[in-house]
Amino acid sequence: MIGLIGGITAPWFSELFGITAKQEDPVAIANTFIVFTTMFFVGITALLVIISYFFTHQFIISKELKEAELVNGLKEKLQSEEGIATELAKAALLNPKISEEIKKLITEVAVDSKPKENQRIKKDLYIDKGEIKND
């Protein structure tokens, strides 16, 4: 009789106190694992984005400082050494856009500096109807 009662109640006790997992538990565990793994990778990705942004920002700042330093050094060299200035001007004139811009600037300066009618050139000279005359 005790064996019969033990046989009938054994499945209920094994389910209640047993070590074996229920049918839903493996799916829930897998879903939880997937969610936490995804959250972990998203966190790592966000951290990498923030670090990359910081390094990019620092690189840009250091690059701008280096460029400013190089330009100032070049200006000093151009003012002190004529050979470097001549070579740089020749190299700049090889670029068609720069040479056209320089031609425009020279033309503007030449037109602006051209003496006007009745304008004194020197103390005793002036222009009258296109002719230079003395006082």
Protein backbone atom coordinates (compact mmCIF):
# COMPACT_ATOMS: atom_id res chain seq x y z
CA MET A 1 0.00 0.00 0.00
CA ILE A 2 2.80 2.39 0.81
CA GLY A 3 4.39 1.54 -2.52
CA LEU A 4 1.16 2.38 -4.32
CA ILE A 5 0.90 5.76 -2.58
CA GLY A 6 4.61 6.45 -3.23
CA GLY A 7 4.20 5.56 -6.92
CA ILE A 8 1.20 7.84 -7.32
CA THR A 9 2.78 10.81 -5.50
CA ALA A 10 6.31 10.41 -6.90
CA PRO A 11 5.72 12.40 -10.11
CA TRP A 12 4.09 15.23 -8.15
CA PHE A 13 6.95 15.37 -5.58
CA SER A 14 9.62 15.13 -8.26
CA GLU A 15 8.05 18.03 -10.12
CA LEU A 16 7.64 20.05 -6.95
CA PHE A 17 11.06 19.39 -5.40
CA GLY A 18 12.98 18.05 -8.36
CA ILE A 19 16.17 19.40 -9.92
CA THR A 20 14.97 19.02 -13.49
CA ALA A 21 13.94 22.20 -15.31
CA LYS A 22 10.45 22.90 -16.55
CA GLN A 23 9.75 23.16 -20.28
CA GLU A 24 9.55 26.99 -20.18
CA ASP A 25 12.79 27.48 -18.28
CA PRO A 26 15.26 26.71 -21.13
CA VAL A 27 13.48 29.20 -23.41
CA ALA A 28 13.39 31.86 -20.68
CA ILE A 29 17.06 31.30 -19.91
CA ALA A 30 17.96 31.58 -23.62
CA ASN A 31 15.92 34.77 -23.98
CA THR A 32 17.52 36.29 -20.89
CA PHE A 33 20.96 35.35 -22.21
CA ILE A 34 20.21 36.94 -25.58
CA VAL A 35 18.90 40.15 -23.98
CA PHE A 36 21.85 40.57 -21.64
CA THR A 37 24.37 39.71 -24.35
CA THR A 38 22.78 42.30 -26.63
CA MET A 39 22.84 44.91 -23.86
CA PHE A 40 26.52 44.10 -23.24
CA PHE A 41 27.45 44.57 -26.91
CA VAL A 42 25.41 47.78 -27.19
CA GLY A 43 27.18 49.15 -24.11
CA ILE A 44 30.60 48.25 -25.50
CA THR A 45 29.67 49.83 -28.86
CA ALA A 46 28.47 53.04 -27.19
CA LEU A 47 31.69 53.21 -25.17
CA LEU A 48 33.79 52.74 -28.33
CA VAL A 49 31.82 55.51 -30.10
CA ILE A 50 32.43 57.93 -27.22
CA ILE A 51 36.15 57.08 -27.09
CA SER A 52 36.46 57.41 -30.89
CA TYR A 53 34.74 60.80 -30.84
CA PHE A 54 37.10 62.01 -28.10
CA PHE A 55 40.21 60.86 -29.98
CA THR A 56 38.95 62.36 -33.25
CA HIS A 57 38.29 65.68 -31.54
CA GLN A 58 41.77 65.69 -30.00
CA PHE A 59 43.33 64.79 -33.36
CA ILE A 60 41.55 67.68 -35.09
CA ILE A 61 42.65 70.17 -32.44
CA SER A 62 46.28 69.02 -32.59
CA LYS A 63 46.19 69.07 -36.39
CA GLU A 64 44.89 72.68 -36.44
CA LEU A 65 47.57 73.76 -33.97
CA LYS A 66 50.28 72.05 -36.04
CA GLU A 67 49.02 73.70 -39.25
CA ALA A 68 49.01 77.14 -37.60
CA GLU A 69 52.53 76.55 -36.30
CA LEU A 70 53.75 75.50 -39.77
CA VAL A 71 52.12 78.50 -41.48
CA ASN A 72 53.69 80.91 -38.97
CA GLY A 73 57.07 79.26 -39.47
CA LEU A 74 56.69 79.57 -43.24
CA LYS A 75 55.81 83.26 -42.93
CA GLU A 76 58.93 83.89 -40.86
CA LYS A 77 61.11 82.04 -43.40
CA LEU A 78 59.56 83.99 -46.30
CA GLN A 79 60.30 87.30 -44.58
CA SER A 80 63.88 86.40 -43.72
CA GLU A 81 65.09 84.44 -46.76
CA GLU A 82 64.52 85.71 -50.29
CA GLY A 83 65.36 82.42 -52.03
CA ILE A 84 62.59 80.52 -50.27
CA ALA A 85 60.09 83.28 -51.08
CA THR A 86 61.05 83.17 -54.76
CA GLU A 87 60.76 79.38 -54.92
CA LEU A 88 57.37 79.46 -53.20
CA ALA A 89 56.11 82.14 -55.58
CA LYS A 90 57.27 80.11 -58.59
CA ALA A 91 55.56 76.99 -57.24
CA ALA A 92 52.36 78.94 -56.56
CA LEU A 93 52.34 80.37 -60.09
CA LEU A 94 52.36 76.84 -61.54
CA ASN A 95 48.78 76.47 -60.28
CA PRO A 96 46.48 77.99 -62.96
CA LYS A 97 43.87 79.15 -60.44
CA ILE A 98 46.44 81.00 -58.36
CA SER A 99 48.07 82.63 -61.39
CA GLU A 100 44.65 83.86 -62.63
CA GLU A 101 43.86 85.27 -59.18
CA ILE A 102 47.23 87.06 -59.07
CA LYS A 103 46.60 88.54 -62.54
CA LYS A 104 43.22 89.87 -61.35
CA LEU A 105 44.79 91.39 -58.24
CA ILE A 106 47.60 93.01 -60.24
CA THR A 107 45.09 94.46 -62.70
CA GLU A 108 42.97 95.87 -59.87
CA VAL A 109 46.01 97.43 -58.19
CA ALA A 110 47.24 98.88 -61.50
CA VAL A 111 43.84 100.43 -62.25
CA ASP A 112 43.50 101.81 -58.72
CA SER A 113 47.02 103.25 -58.68
CA LYS A 114 46.78 104.88 -62.12
CA PRO A 115 46.92 108.68 -61.69
CA LYS A 116 43.64 110.48 -62.38
CA GLU A 117 43.20 113.76 -64.30
CA ASN A 118 44.59 116.80 -62.48
CA GLN A 119 46.18 114.55 -59.86
CA ARG A 120 49.62 115.55 -58.65
CA ILE A 121 52.29 112.91 -59.28
CA LYS A 122 55.13 114.78 -57.57
CA LYS A 123 55.49 118.25 -56.15
CA ASP A 124 55.88 119.94 -59.58
CA LEU A 125 54.20 117.40 -61.92
CA TYR A 126 50.51 116.81 -62.61
CA ILE A 127 48.40 115.12 -65.28
CA ASP A 128 46.20 117.22 -67.56
CA LYS A 129 44.17 115.44 -70.25
CA GLY A 130 46.52 112.48 -70.29
CA GLU A 131 49.70 114.61 -70.52
CA ILE A 132 52.16 115.09 -67.72
CA LYS A 133 52.80 118.81 -67.18
CA ASN A 134 55.12 120.90 -65.02
CA ASP A 135 53.99 123.70 -62.73
